[in-house]
Amino acid sequence: MTIVPPSPGEPRRPDGPRDPGDAWVVADTGERYWGRFGAAGLLAVDAERGVLLQHRVSWSHFGGTWGLPGGALHQGESALDGALRESTEEAGIPRGAVRPRFASILDLGIWSYTTVVADVVVPFEPVISDPESVALEWVALDRVDELPLHPGFADAWPRLRALLAQRPAIVVDAANVMGSVPDGWWKDRAGAADRLRDRLTAWLHGGVLAEDGSETELTGTELTGAADRAPESDAHEDAREPIQTAPTADIRWYPTVTMVVEGEARSLADIDHGPIIVRRAAGHGDDEIVEAARELQFAGHATTVVTSDRELRARIEALGARTVSAGWLLPRLPR
């Protein structure tokens, strides 16, 4: 593998490289891949208008084809952050206008490309905000194959489109999860709930893996966090369940996560925590969890509820949703 910066006369960008990541990775066989630290792009999905595609300017790599706004990652930047940054730079996608649903990772060992697929949550009109785009258009799903596509996107599109039908969701029984670790949570239930929310947020930022490589739905598969983690306590019901990880992940999900709190924990700080939805149970927490799962199932989500309460698990499974124990979740959360 060789790292080669763009030469002064090479038609990569009129203004030249802007970051150490702006360089070619050259394989021993001669193939070149843009991005010293890998690259990422964003596939924005609008329920009404389709997907946002970029018509690439002629001087770019595979110029004249249609693909995704994206580019080289900066040093130390996550693929998720890089895809969002590049889509803002190249397509004017406003911050907070999309919510990541999953990421598809092509890892060649010497180089990787991550396609972040995100749902539009605040409608916007794309804006050509740098020289790499001839046009930016919303394209109906059935029309994508009619365009001259970038070869990499053309290869990935059939699989990406199939995955668009999947909408995983997780509901967390906060009282049960907090109560499974004897760390003094009972002294400050709201504070303990806030710490759990922080950890869930960090876990989601790295993506959630389907351990068996499933391309369909998370229901019925094992999931893990972005990295292998030691169990917090051998007192968990499922503490000895194997935690499998893979050196390269094909799909990482960013599921909808609903955290249900009850009693004193309902007074946790009311702040914007990004992907975590907090539901404060007015009465019994179990009833609120069942209702949350019912709503998600009705909306077409593949729902997993995290609780070790056997009676609650039976109620959830009667809805057709999946359940896992608190001992399944805790080892996966960053400390």
C-alpha atoms as a PDB file:
ATOM      1  CA  MET A   1       0.000   0.000   0.000  1.00  0.00           C
ATOM      2  CA  THR A   2       1.228   3.482  -0.878  1.00  0.00           C
ATOM      3  CA  ILE A   3      -0.109   6.911   0.151  1.00  0.00           C
ATOM      4  CA  VAL A   4       0.044   9.384  -2.715  1.00  0.00           C
ATOM      5  CA  PRO A   5      -1.109  13.024  -2.376  1.00  0.00           C
ATOM      6  CA  PRO A   6      -2.783  14.522  -5.460  1.00  0.00           C
ATOM      7  CA  SER A   7      -0.248  16.061  -7.822  1.00  0.00           C
ATOM      8  CA  PRO A   8      -0.545  19.779  -8.586  1.00  0.00           C
ATOM      9  CA  GLY A   9      -2.004  19.098 -12.006  1.00  0.00           C
ATOM     10  CA  GLU A  10      -4.327  16.281 -11.028  1.00  0.00           C
ATOM     11  CA  PRO A  11      -8.043  17.089 -11.442  1.00  0.00           C
ATOM     12  CA  ARG A  12      -9.222  16.136  -7.970  1.00  0.00           C
ATOM     13  CA  ARG A  13     -10.262  19.577  -6.648  1.00  0.00           C
ATOM     14  CA  PRO A  14      -9.546  22.991  -8.108  1.00  0.00           C
ATOM     15  CA  ASP A  15      -8.400  24.266  -4.720  1.00  0.00           C
ATOM     16  CA  GLY A  16      -6.201  21.257  -3.900  1.00  0.00           C
ATOM     17  CA  PRO A  17      -6.101  19.143  -0.737  1.00  0.00           C
ATOM     18  CA  ARG A  18      -7.491  20.657   2.469  1.00  0.00           C
ATOM     19  CA  ASP A  19      -6.656  17.935   5.002  1.00  0.00           C
ATOM     20  CA  PRO A  20      -4.033  15.178   5.515  1.00  0.00           C
ATOM     21  CA  GLY A  21      -6.768  12.714   4.574  1.00  0.00           C
ATOM     22  CA  ASP A  22      -6.909  14.164   1.051  1.00  0.00           C
ATOM     23  CA  ALA A  23      -4.589  11.612  -0.553  1.00  0.00           C
ATOM     24  CA  TRP A  24      -4.776   8.491  -2.697  1.00  0.00           C
ATOM     25  CA  VAL A  25      -4.294   5.043  -1.188  1.00  0.00           C
ATOM     26  CA  VAL A  26      -2.667   2.888  -3.864  1.00  0.00           C
ATOM     27  CA  ALA A  27      -2.919  -0.883  -3.548  1.00  0.00           C
ATOM     28  CA  ASP A  28       0.001  -3.124  -4.512  1.00  0.00           C
ATOM     29  CA  THR A  29      -2.016  -4.113  -7.577  1.00  0.00           C
ATOM     30  CA  GLY A  30      -2.278  -0.479  -8.671  1.00  0.00           C
ATOM     31  CA  GLU A  31      -5.898   0.369  -7.776  1.00  0.00           C
ATOM     32  CA  ARG A  32      -6.325   3.833  -6.268  1.00  0.00           C
ATOM     33  CA  TYR A  33      -8.789   4.791  -3.529  1.00  0.00           C
ATOM     34  CA  TRP A  34      -9.427   8.355  -2.383  1.00  0.00           C
ATOM     35  CA  GLY A  35      -8.942   9.106   1.319  1.00  0.00           C
ATOM     36  CA  ARG A  36      -5.903   8.279   3.406  1.00  0.00           C
ATOM     37  CA  PHE A  37      -8.134   7.488   6.385  1.00  0.00           C
ATOM     38  CA  GLY A  38     -10.974   6.051   4.336  1.00  0.00           C
ATOM     39  CA  ALA A  39     -13.998   7.801   2.901  1.00  0.00           C
ATOM     40  CA  ALA A  40     -17.722   8.109   3.573  1.00  0.00           C
ATOM     41  CA  GLY A  41     -20.871   9.341   1.876  1.00  0.00           C
ATOM     42  CA  LEU A  42     -24.467  10.062   2.844  1.00  0.00           C
ATOM     43  CA  LEU A  43     -27.596   8.585   1.288  1.00  0.00           C
ATOM     44  CA  ALA A  44     -30.417  10.844   2.455  1.00  0.00           C
ATOM     45  CA  VAL A  45     -33.847   9.195   2.218  1.00  0.00           C
ATOM     46  CA  ASP A  46     -37.018  11.282   2.006  1.00  0.00           C
ATOM     47  CA  ALA A  47     -40.284   9.369   2.386  1.00  0.00           C
ATOM     48  CA  GLU A  48     -41.948  11.476  -0.313  1.00  0.00           C
ATOM     49  CA  ARG A  49     -39.151  12.439  -2.714  1.00  0.00           C
ATOM     50  CA  GLY A  50     -36.811   9.437  -2.755  1.00  0.00           C
ATOM     51  CA  VAL A  51     -33.034   9.609  -2.305  1.00  0.00           C
ATOM     52  CA  LEU A  52     -30.677  12.547  -2.791  1.00  0.00           C
ATOM     53  CA  LEU A  53     -28.056  11.932  -5.497  1.00  0.00           C
ATOM     54  CA  GLN A  54     -25.137  14.009  -6.720  1.00  0.00           C
ATOM     55  CA  HIS A  55     -24.197  14.387 -10.395  1.00  0.00           C
ATOM     56  CA  ARG A  56     -20.418  14.457 -10.185  1.00  0.00           C
ATOM     57  CA  VAL A  57     -18.379  17.101 -11.979  1.00  0.00           C
ATOM     58  CA  SER A  58     -16.252  15.843 -14.878  1.00  0.00           C
ATOM     59  CA  TRP A  59     -12.859  16.406 -13.212  1.00  0.00           C
ATOM     60  CA  SER A  60     -13.737  14.268 -10.165  1.00  0.00           C
ATOM     61  CA  HIS A  61     -13.097  10.536  -9.831  1.00  0.00           C
ATOM     62  CA  PHE A  62     -15.658   8.819 -12.120  1.00  0.00           C
ATOM     63  CA  GLY A  63     -16.842  12.237 -13.200  1.00  0.00           C
ATOM     64  CA  GLY A  64     -20.171  12.449 -14.980  1.00  0.00           C
ATOM     65  CA  THR A  65     -21.767   9.673 -12.938  1.00  0.00           C
ATOM     66  CA  TRP A  66     -24.391   9.909 -10.196  1.00  0.00           C
ATOM     67  CA  GLY A  67     -23.486   9.015  -6.652  1.00  0.00           C
ATOM     68  CA  LEU A  68     -23.551  10.287  -3.093  1.00  0.00           C
ATOM     69  CA  PRO A  69     -22.216  13.473  -1.547  1.00  0.00           C
ATOM     70  CA  GLY A  70     -19.163  12.371   0.385  1.00  0.00           C
ATOM     71  CA  GLY A  71     -15.402  12.286   0.459  1.00  0.00           C
ATOM     72  CA  ALA A  72     -12.241  11.573   2.403  1.00  0.00           C
ATOM     73  CA  LEU A  73     -12.379  11.294   6.183  1.00  0.00           C
ATOM     74  CA  HIS A  74     -10.271  13.552   8.341  1.00  0.00           C
ATOM     75  CA  GLN A  75      -7.737  12.044  10.696  1.00  0.00           C
ATOM     76  CA  GLY A  76      -9.499  10.739  13.812  1.00  0.00           C
ATOM     77  CA  GLU A  77     -12.957  11.416  12.355  1.00  0.00           C
ATOM     78  CA  SER A  78     -15.659   8.757  12.547  1.00  0.00           C
ATOM     79  CA  ALA A  79     -17.338   7.640   9.347  1.00  0.00           C
ATOM     80  CA  LEU A  80     -20.676   8.947  10.641  1.00  0.00           C
ATOM     81  CA  ASP A  81     -19.272  12.394  11.400  1.00  0.00           C
ATOM     82  CA  GLY A  82     -17.379  12.467   8.112  1.00  0.00           C
ATOM     83  CA  ALA A  83     -20.433  11.567   6.045  1.00  0.00           C
ATOM     84  CA  LEU A  84     -22.501  14.272   7.738  1.00  0.00           C
ATOM     85  CA  ARG A  85     -19.725  16.868   7.315  1.00  0.00           C
ATOM     86  CA  GLU A  86     -19.150  16.059   3.663  1.00  0.00           C
ATOM     87  CA  SER A  87     -22.869  16.122   2.869  1.00  0.00           C
ATOM     88  CA  THR A  88     -23.094  19.577   4.397  1.00  0.00           C
ATOM     89  CA  GLU A  89     -20.082  20.795   2.422  1.00  0.00           C
ATOM     90  CA  GLU A  90     -21.196  19.324  -0.906  1.00  0.00           C
ATOM     91  CA  ALA A  91     -24.998  19.403  -0.726  1.00  0.00           C
ATOM     92  CA  GLY A  92     -25.836  22.008   1.904  1.00  0.00           C
ATOM     93  CA  ILE A  93     -27.682  19.470   4.071  1.00  0.00           C
ATOM     94  CA  PRO A  94     -28.562  21.369   7.271  1.00  0.00           C
ATOM     95  CA  ARG A  95     -27.315  20.107  10.590  1.00  0.00           C
ATOM     96  CA  GLY A  96     -30.040  18.028  12.249  1.00  0.00           C
ATOM     97  CA  ALA A  97     -32.037  17.580   9.040  1.00  0.00           C
ATOM     98  CA  VAL A  98     -31.320  13.849   8.816  1.00  0.00           C
ATOM     99  CA  ARG A  99     -31.253  10.993  11.304  1.00  0.00           C
ATOM    100  CA  PRO A 100     -28.873   8.067  10.587  1.00  0.00           C
ATOM    101  CA  ARG A 101     -30.591   4.697  10.220  1.00  0.00           C
ATOM    102  CA  PHE A 102     -27.722   2.387   9.227  1.00  0.00           C
ATOM    103  CA  ALA A 103     -24.251   2.366   7.716  1.00  0.00           C
ATOM    104  CA  SER A 104     -22.902  -0.072   5.144  1.00  0.00           C
ATOM    105  CA  ILE A 105     -19.149  -0.578   5.338  1.00  0.00           C
ATOM    106  CA  LEU A 106     -16.926  -1.767   2.523  1.00  0.00           C
ATOM    107  CA  ASP A 107     -13.593  -2.660   4.139  1.00  0.00           C
ATOM    108  CA  LEU A 108     -10.752  -3.606   1.823  1.00  0.00           C
ATOM    109  CA  GLY A 109      -8.151  -3.782   4.570  1.00  0.00           C
ATOM    110  CA  ILE A 110      -6.017  -0.968   3.167  1.00  0.00           C
ATOM    111  CA  TRP A 111      -9.027   1.337   2.699  1.00  0.00           C
ATOM    112  CA  SER A 112     -12.707   1.521   3.597  1.00  0.00           C
ATOM    113  CA  TYR A 113     -15.807   3.310   2.384  1.00  0.00           C
ATOM    114  CA  THR A 114     -18.861   3.819   4.579  1.00  0.00           C
ATOM    115  CA  THR A 115     -22.297   4.625   3.195  1.00  0.00           C
ATOM    116  CA  VAL A 116     -24.402   6.255   5.903  1.00  0.00           C
ATOM    117  CA  VAL A 117     -28.122   5.923   5.155  1.00  0.00           C
ATOM    118  CA  ALA A 118     -30.183   8.575   6.943  1.00  0.00           C
ATOM    119  CA  ASP A 119     -33.863   9.515   7.078  1.00  0.00           C
ATOM    120  CA  VAL A 120     -34.875  13.113   6.434  1.00  0.00           C
ATOM    121  CA  VAL A 121     -36.544  14.432   9.597  1.00  0.00           C
ATOM    122  CA  VAL A 122     -36.596  18.115   8.600  1.00  0.00           C
ATOM    123  CA  PRO A 123     -37.366  18.667   4.887  1.00  0.00           C
ATOM    124  CA  PHE A 124     -34.745  20.693   3.010  1.00  0.00           C
ATOM    125  CA  GLU A 125     -33.688  21.609  -0.500  1.00  0.00           C
ATOM    126  CA  PRO A 126     -30.120  20.650  -1.422  1.00  0.00           C
ATOM    127  CA  VAL A 127     -27.688  23.381  -2.389  1.00  0.00           C
ATOM    128  CA  ILE A 128     -24.606  22.984  -4.570  1.00  0.00           C
ATOM    129  CA  SER A 129     -22.095  24.382  -2.126  1.00  0.00           C
ATOM    130  CA  ASP A 130     -18.769  23.258  -3.607  1.00  0.00           C
ATOM    131  CA  PRO A 131     -17.315  22.616  -7.087  1.00  0.00           C
ATOM    132  CA  GLU A 132     -17.735  18.819  -7.031  1.00  0.00           C
ATOM    133  CA  SER A 133     -21.413  18.797  -8.069  1.00  0.00           C
ATOM    134  CA  VAL A 134     -23.040  19.467 -11.446  1.00  0.00           C
ATOM    135  CA  ALA A 135     -26.486  18.809  -9.979  1.00  0.00           C
ATOM    136  CA  LEU A 136     -28.201  17.557  -6.828  1.00  0.00           C
ATOM    137  CA  GLU A 137     -31.568  15.885  -7.256  1.00  0.00           C
ATOM    138  CA  TRP A 138     -34.147  13.892  -5.328  1.00  0.00           C
ATOM    139  CA  VAL A 139     -34.593  10.658  -7.281  1.00  0.00           C
ATOM    140  CA  ALA A 140     -37.469   8.214  -6.802  1.00  0.00           C
ATOM    141  CA  LEU A 141     -36.290   4.750  -5.736  1.00  0.00           C
ATOM    142  CA  ASP A 142     -37.585   3.172  -8.955  1.00  0.00           C
ATOM    143  CA  ARG A 143     -35.627   5.665 -11.089  1.00  0.00           C
ATOM    144  CA  VAL A 144     -32.191   5.269  -9.523  1.00  0.00           C
ATOM    145  CA  ASP A 145     -31.186   2.388 -11.817  1.00  0.00           C
ATOM    146  CA  GLU A 146     -31.999   4.497 -14.881  1.00  0.00           C
ATOM    147  CA  LEU A 147     -29.092   6.866 -14.182  1.00  0.00           C
ATOM    148  CA  PRO A 148     -25.405   6.331 -15.036  1.00  0.00           C
ATOM    149  CA  LEU A 149     -24.282   5.503 -11.515  1.00  0.00           C
ATOM    150  CA  HIS A 150     -20.859   5.668  -9.919  1.00  0.00           C
ATOM    151  CA  PRO A 151     -19.594   2.042 -10.107  1.00  0.00           C
ATOM    152  CA  GLY A 152     -19.278   1.677  -6.333  1.00  0.00           C
ATOM    153  CA  PHE A 153     -22.764   3.013  -5.721  1.00  0.00           C
ATOM    154  CA  ALA A 154     -24.171   0.872  -8.542  1.00  0.00           C
ATOM    155  CA  ASP A 155     -22.794  -2.240  -6.850  1.00  0.00           C
ATOM    156  CA  ALA A 156     -24.150  -1.243  -3.438  1.00  0.00           C
ATOM    157  CA  TRP A 157     -27.560   0.124  -4.442  1.00  0.00           C
ATOM    158  CA  PRO A 158     -29.552  -3.173  -4.678  1.00  0.00           C
ATOM    159  CA  ARG A 159     -28.516  -4.141  -1.174  1.00  0.00           C
ATOM    160  CA  LEU A 160     -29.032  -0.664   0.250  1.00  0.00           C
ATOM    161  CA  ARG A 161     -32.508  -0.475  -1.243  1.00  0.00           C
ATOM    162  CA  ALA A 162     -33.458  -3.835   0.277  1.00  0.00           C
ATOM    163  CA  LEU A 163     -32.313  -2.640   3.701  1.00  0.00           C
ATOM    164  CA  LEU A 164     -34.480   0.496   3.457  1.00  0.00           C
ATOM    165  CA  ALA A 165     -37.467  -1.654   4.409  1.00  0.00           C
ATOM    166  CA  GLN A 166     -35.960  -2.418   7.819  1.00  0.00           C
ATOM    167  CA  ARG A 167     -36.622  -0.110  10.781  1.00  0.00           C
ATOM    168  CA  PRO A 168     -35.136  -1.499  14.012  1.00  0.00           C
ATOM    169  CA  ALA A 169     -36.073  -0.025  17.387  1.00  0.00           C
ATOM    170  CA  ILE A 170     -35.019  -0.688  20.987  1.00  0.00           C
ATOM    171  CA  VAL A 171     -37.019   0.040  24.140  1.00  0.00           C
ATOM    172  CA  VAL A 172     -35.042   0.099  27.402  1.00  0.00           C
ATOM    173  CA  ASP A 173     -36.618  -0.683  30.769  1.00  0.00           C
ATOM    174  CA  ALA A 174     -34.437   1.837  32.617  1.00  0.00           C
ATOM    175  CA  ALA A 175     -35.475   0.763  36.127  1.00  0.00           C
ATOM    176  CA  ASN A 176     -34.648  -2.860  35.401  1.00  0.00           C
ATOM    177  CA  VAL A 177     -31.326  -2.095  33.741  1.00  0.00           C
ATOM    178  CA  MET A 178     -30.212   0.283  36.517  1.00  0.00           C
ATOM    179  CA  GLY A 179     -31.349  -2.143  39.201  1.00  0.00           C
ATOM    180  CA  SER A 180     -29.220  -4.957  37.819  1.00  0.00           C
ATOM    181  CA  VAL A 181     -25.964  -3.286  38.928  1.00  0.00           C
ATOM    182  CA  PRO A 182     -25.372  -2.600  42.668  1.00  0.00           C
ATOM    183  CA  ASP A 183     -23.644   0.762  42.133  1.00  0.00           C
ATOM    184  CA  GLY A 184     -25.706   2.876  44.527  1.00  0.00           C
ATOM    185  CA  TRP A 185     -28.289   3.880  41.935  1.00  0.00           C
ATOM    186  CA  TRP A 186     -30.984   3.973  44.646  1.00  0.00           C
ATOM    187  CA  LYS A 187     -29.339   7.008  46.245  1.00  0.00           C
ATOM    188  CA  ASP A 188     -29.953   9.144  43.144  1.00  0.00           C
ATOM    189  CA  ARG A 189     -32.326   7.480  40.695  1.00  0.00           C
ATOM    190  CA  ALA A 190     -32.546  10.507  38.407  1.00  0.00           C
ATOM    191  CA  GLY A 191     -28.754  10.770  38.251  1.00  0.00           C
ATOM    192  CA  ALA A 192     -28.449   7.062  37.523  1.00  0.00           C
ATOM    193  CA  ALA A 193     -31.004   7.406  34.716  1.00  0.00           C
ATOM    194  CA  ASP A 194     -29.060  10.336  33.271  1.00  0.00           C
ATOM    195  CA  ARG A 195     -25.833   8.286  33.287  1.00  0.00           C
ATOM    196  CA  LEU A 196     -27.605   5.418  31.540  1.00  0.00           C
ATOM    197  CA  ARG A 197     -28.853   7.842  28.892  1.00  0.00           C
ATOM    198  CA  ASP A 198     -25.294   9.106  28.368  1.00  0.00           C
ATOM    199  CA  ARG A 199     -24.009   5.576  27.876  1.00  0.00           C
ATOM    200  CA  LEU A 200     -26.801   4.666  25.479  1.00  0.00           C
ATOM    201  CA  THR A 201     -26.005   7.775  23.438  1.00  0.00           C
ATOM    202  CA  ALA A 202     -22.316   6.849  23.201  1.00  0.00           C
ATOM    203  CA  TRP A 203     -23.193   3.264  22.242  1.00  0.00           C
ATOM    204  CA  LEU A 204     -25.459   4.399  19.434  1.00  0.00           C
ATOM    205  CA  HIS A 205     -22.916   6.835  18.024  1.00  0.00           C
ATOM    206  CA  GLY A 206     -20.649   3.919  17.121  1.00  0.00           C
ATOM    207  CA  GLY A 207     -23.492   1.955  15.551  1.00  0.00           C
ATOM    208  CA  VAL A 208     -25.012  -1.359  16.592  1.00  0.00           C
ATOM    209  CA  LEU A 209     -23.932  -4.503  14.814  1.00  0.00           C
ATOM    210  CA  ALA A 210     -26.022  -7.497  13.798  1.00  0.00           C
ATOM    211  CA  GLU A 211     -23.573 -10.141  14.967  1.00  0.00           C
ATOM    212  CA  ASP A 212     -24.707 -12.808  12.557  1.00  0.00           C
ATOM    213  CA  GLY A 213     -24.377 -10.512   9.559  1.00  0.00           C
ATOM    214  CA  SER A 214     -28.113 -10.495   8.959  1.00  0.00           C
ATOM    215  CA  GLU A 215     -29.195  -8.292   6.064  1.00  0.00           C
ATOM    216  CA  THR A 216     -32.879  -8.340   6.977  1.00  0.00           C
ATOM    217  CA  GLU A 217     -33.875  -7.215  10.445  1.00  0.00           C
ATOM    218  CA  LEU A 218     -32.524  -7.035  13.951  1.00  0.00           C
ATOM    219  CA  THR A 219     -35.389  -9.007  15.445  1.00  0.00           C
ATOM    220  CA  GLY A 220     -34.178 -12.507  16.125  1.00  0.00           C
ATOM    221  CA  THR A 221     -30.484 -11.691  15.724  1.00  0.00           C
ATOM    222  CA  GLU A 222     -27.769 -10.944  18.216  1.00  0.00           C
ATOM    223  CA  LEU A 223     -26.451  -7.401  18.384  1.00  0.00           C
ATOM    224  CA  THR A 224     -23.315  -5.926  19.851  1.00  0.00           C
ATOM    225  CA  GLY A 225     -21.815  -2.499  20.307  1.00  0.00           C
ATOM    226  CA  ALA A 226     -19.052  -1.079  18.174  1.00  0.00           C
ATOM    227  CA  ALA A 227     -16.348  -2.793  20.228  1.00  0.00           C
ATOM    228  CA  ASP A 228     -15.928  -5.820  22.467  1.00  0.00           C
ATOM    229  CA  ARG A 229     -16.347  -4.911  26.139  1.00  0.00           C
ATOM    230  CA  ALA A 230     -15.855  -6.858  29.324  1.00  0.00           C
ATOM    231  CA  PRO A 231     -18.995  -7.604  31.381  1.00  0.00           C
ATOM    232  CA  GLU A 232     -19.565  -5.199  34.251  1.00  0.00           C
ATOM    233  CA  SER A 233     -20.654  -7.846  36.701  1.00  0.00           C
ATOM    234  CA  ASP A 234     -21.031 -11.611  36.774  1.00  0.00           C
ATOM    235  CA  ALA A 235     -24.299 -11.099  38.646  1.00  0.00           C
ATOM    236  CA  HIS A 236     -26.238 -10.393  35.442  1.00  0.00           C
ATOM    237  CA  GLU A 237     -28.687 -13.019  34.284  1.00  0.00           C
ATOM    238  CA  ASP A 238     -26.897 -13.332  30.922  1.00  0.00           C
ATOM    239  CA  ALA A 239     -23.395 -12.338  32.009  1.00  0.00           C
ATOM    240  CA  ARG A 240     -21.832 -15.444  30.476  1.00  0.00           C
ATOM    241  CA  GLU A 241     -23.524 -15.084  27.105  1.00  0.00           C
ATOM    242  CA  PRO A 242     -20.792 -14.932  24.452  1.00  0.00           C
ATOM    243  CA  ILE A 243     -20.145 -11.494  23.013  1.00  0.00           C
ATOM    244  CA  GLN A 244     -19.047 -11.945  19.428  1.00  0.00           C
ATOM    245  CA  THR A 245     -17.350  -9.222  17.476  1.00  0.00           C
ATOM    246  CA  ALA A 246     -15.928  -9.062  13.985  1.00  0.00           C
ATOM    247  CA  PRO A 247     -12.804  -7.169  12.913  1.00  0.00           C
ATOM    248  CA  THR A 248     -14.755  -5.625  10.055  1.00  0.00           C
ATOM    249  CA  ALA A 249     -18.460  -4.862  10.186  1.00  0.00           C
ATOM    250  CA  ASP A 250     -20.686  -4.977   7.155  1.00  0.00           C
ATOM    251  CA  ILE A 251     -23.749  -3.203   8.579  1.00  0.00           C
ATOM    252  CA  ARG A 252     -24.040  -0.929  11.615  1.00  0.00           C
ATOM    253  CA  TRP A 253     -27.524   0.145  12.666  1.00  0.00           C
ATOM    254  CA  TYR A 254     -28.604   3.340  14.389  1.00  0.00           C
ATOM    255  CA  PRO A 255     -31.916   2.102  15.830  1.00  0.00           C
ATOM    256  CA  THR A 256     -34.563   4.254  17.419  1.00  0.00           C
ATOM    257  CA  VAL A 257     -34.002   3.917  21.188  1.00  0.00           C
ATOM    258  CA  THR A 258     -36.744   4.686  23.696  1.00  0.00           C
ATOM    259  CA  MET A 259     -35.788   4.777  27.372  1.00  0.00           C
ATOM    260  CA  VAL A 260     -38.735   4.409  29.770  1.00  0.00           C
ATOM    261  CA  VAL A 261     -38.277   5.866  33.276  1.00  0.00           C
ATOM    262  CA  GLU A 262     -40.605   5.748  36.258  1.00  0.00           C
ATOM    263  CA  GLY A 263     -40.838   7.018  39.840  1.00  0.00           C
ATOM    264  CA  GLU A 264     -38.046   9.308  41.016  1.00  0.00           C
ATOM    265  CA  ALA A 265     -36.069   8.679  37.825  1.00  0.00           C
ATOM    266  CA  ARG A 266     -38.625  10.767  35.930  1.00  0.00           C
ATOM    267  CA  SER A 267     -36.908  13.912  37.221  1.00  0.00           C
ATOM    268  CA  LEU A 268     -33.760  13.283  35.184  1.00  0.00           C
ATOM    269  CA  ALA A 269     -32.478  16.334  33.334  1.00  0.00           C
ATOM    270  CA  ASP A 270     -34.752  17.339  30.461  1.00  0.00           C
ATOM    271  CA  ILE A 271     -32.119  17.996  27.795  1.00  0.00           C
ATOM    272  CA  ASP A 272     -31.707  17.157  24.130  1.00  0.00           C
ATOM    273  CA  HIS A 273     -29.818  13.884  24.025  1.00  0.00           C
ATOM    274  CA  GLY A 274     -29.970  13.325  20.321  1.00  0.00           C
ATOM    275  CA  PRO A 275     -31.032   9.784  19.455  1.00  0.00           C
ATOM    276  CA  ILE A 276     -32.469   8.805  22.864  1.00  0.00           C
ATOM    277  CA  ILE A 277     -36.218   9.276  23.357  1.00  0.00           C
ATOM    278  CA  VAL A 278     -37.197   9.469  27.040  1.00  0.00           C
ATOM    279  CA  ARG A 279     -40.709   8.417  28.044  1.00  0.00           C
ATOM    280  CA  ARG A 280     -41.725   9.244  31.602  1.00  0.00           C
ATOM    281  CA  ALA A 281     -44.266   6.734  32.892  1.00  0.00           C
ATOM    282  CA  ALA A 282     -47.153   8.430  34.678  1.00  0.00           C
ATOM    283  CA  GLY A 283     -48.041   5.156  36.370  1.00  0.00           C
ATOM    284  CA  HIS A 284     -46.506   1.697  36.302  1.00  0.00           C
ATOM    285  CA  GLY A 285     -43.396   1.549  34.146  1.00  0.00           C
ATOM    286  CA  ASP A 286     -44.265  -1.862  32.677  1.00  0.00           C
ATOM    287  CA  ASP A 287     -47.489  -0.530  31.171  1.00  0.00           C
ATOM    288  CA  GLU A 288     -45.605   2.365  29.541  1.00  0.00           C
ATOM    289  CA  ILE A 289     -43.018  -0.048  28.097  1.00  0.00           C
ATOM    290  CA  VAL A 290     -45.735  -2.261  26.624  1.00  0.00           C
ATOM    291  CA  GLU A 291     -47.416   0.770  25.093  1.00  0.00           C
ATOM    292  CA  ALA A 292     -44.126   2.018  23.620  1.00  0.00           C
ATOM    293  CA  ALA A 293     -43.457  -1.413  22.083  1.00  0.00           C
ATOM    294  CA  ARG A 294     -47.012  -1.609  20.746  1.00  0.00           C
ATOM    295  CA  GLU A 295     -46.692   1.773  19.024  1.00  0.00           C
ATOM    296  CA  LEU A 296     -43.367   0.841  17.433  1.00  0.00           C
ATOM    297  CA  GLN A 297     -44.668  -2.511  16.216  1.00  0.00           C
ATOM    298  CA  PHE A 298     -47.725  -0.821  14.741  1.00  0.00           C
ATOM    299  CA  ALA A 299     -45.462   1.671  12.939  1.00  0.00           C
ATOM    300  CA  GLY A 300     -43.576  -1.185  11.284  1.00  0.00           C
ATOM    301  CA  HIS A 301     -40.437  -1.252  13.428  1.00  0.00           C
ATOM    302  CA  ALA A 302     -38.634  -4.470  14.332  1.00  0.00           C
ATOM    303  CA  THR A 303     -38.735  -3.919  18.092  1.00  0.00           C
ATOM    304  CA  THR A 304     -36.453  -5.252  20.816  1.00  0.00           C
ATOM    305  CA  VAL A 305     -37.240  -4.560  24.491  1.00  0.00           C
ATOM    306  CA  VAL A 306     -34.436  -4.694  27.052  1.00  0.00           C
ATOM    307  CA  THR A 307     -35.692  -6.052  30.386  1.00  0.00           C
ATOM    308  CA  SER A 308     -35.023  -9.005  32.670  1.00  0.00           C
ATOM    309  CA  ASP A 309     -38.540  -8.963  34.132  1.00  0.00           C
ATOM    310  CA  ARG A 310     -40.075 -12.314  33.115  1.00  0.00           C
ATOM    311  CA  GLU A 311     -43.684 -11.162  33.301  1.00  0.00           C
ATOM    312  CA  LEU A 312     -42.940  -8.081  31.207  1.00  0.00           C
ATOM    313  CA  ARG A 313     -41.003 -10.149  28.682  1.00  0.00           C
ATOM    314  CA  ALA A 314     -44.038 -12.391  28.240  1.00  0.00           C
ATOM    315  CA  ARG A 315     -46.275  -9.362  27.594  1.00  0.00           C
ATOM    316  CA  ILE A 316     -43.830  -7.958  25.057  1.00  0.00           C
ATOM    317  CA  GLU A 317     -43.384 -11.237  23.206  1.00  0.00           C
ATOM    318  CA  ALA A 318     -47.158 -11.550  22.964  1.00  0.00           C
ATOM    319  CA  LEU A 319     -47.002  -8.398  20.804  1.00  0.00           C
ATOM    320  CA  GLY A 320     -44.589 -10.085  18.424  1.00  0.00           C
ATOM    321  CA  ALA A 321     -41.575  -8.089  19.619  1.00  0.00           C
ATOM    322  CA  ARG A 322     -38.272  -9.514  20.778  1.00  0.00           C
ATOM    323  CA  THR A 323     -36.853  -9.269  24.316  1.00  0.00           C
ATOM    324  CA  VAL A 324     -33.310  -9.398  25.680  1.00  0.00           C
ATOM    325  CA  SER A 325     -32.119  -9.105  29.260  1.00  0.00           C
ATOM    326  CA  ALA A 326     -30.365  -6.235  31.019  1.00  0.00           C
ATOM    327  CA  GLY A 327     -27.307  -8.484  31.070  1.00  0.00           C
ATOM    328  CA  TRP A 328     -27.321  -8.438  27.295  1.00  0.00           C
ATOM    329  CA  LEU A 329     -27.171  -4.631  27.143  1.00  0.00           C
ATOM    330  CA  LEU A 330     -24.795  -3.608  29.930  1.00  0.00           C
ATOM    331  CA  PRO A 331     -21.612  -5.294  28.650  1.00  0.00           C
ATOM    332  CA  ARG A 332     -22.123  -3.521  25.342  1.00  0.00           C
ATOM    333  CA  LEU A 333     -22.301  -0.006  26.762  1.00  0.00           C
ATOM    334  CA  PRO A 334     -19.156   2.103  27.076  1.00  0.00           C
ATOM    335  CA  ARG A 335     -18.226   2.793  30.681  1.00  0.00           C
END
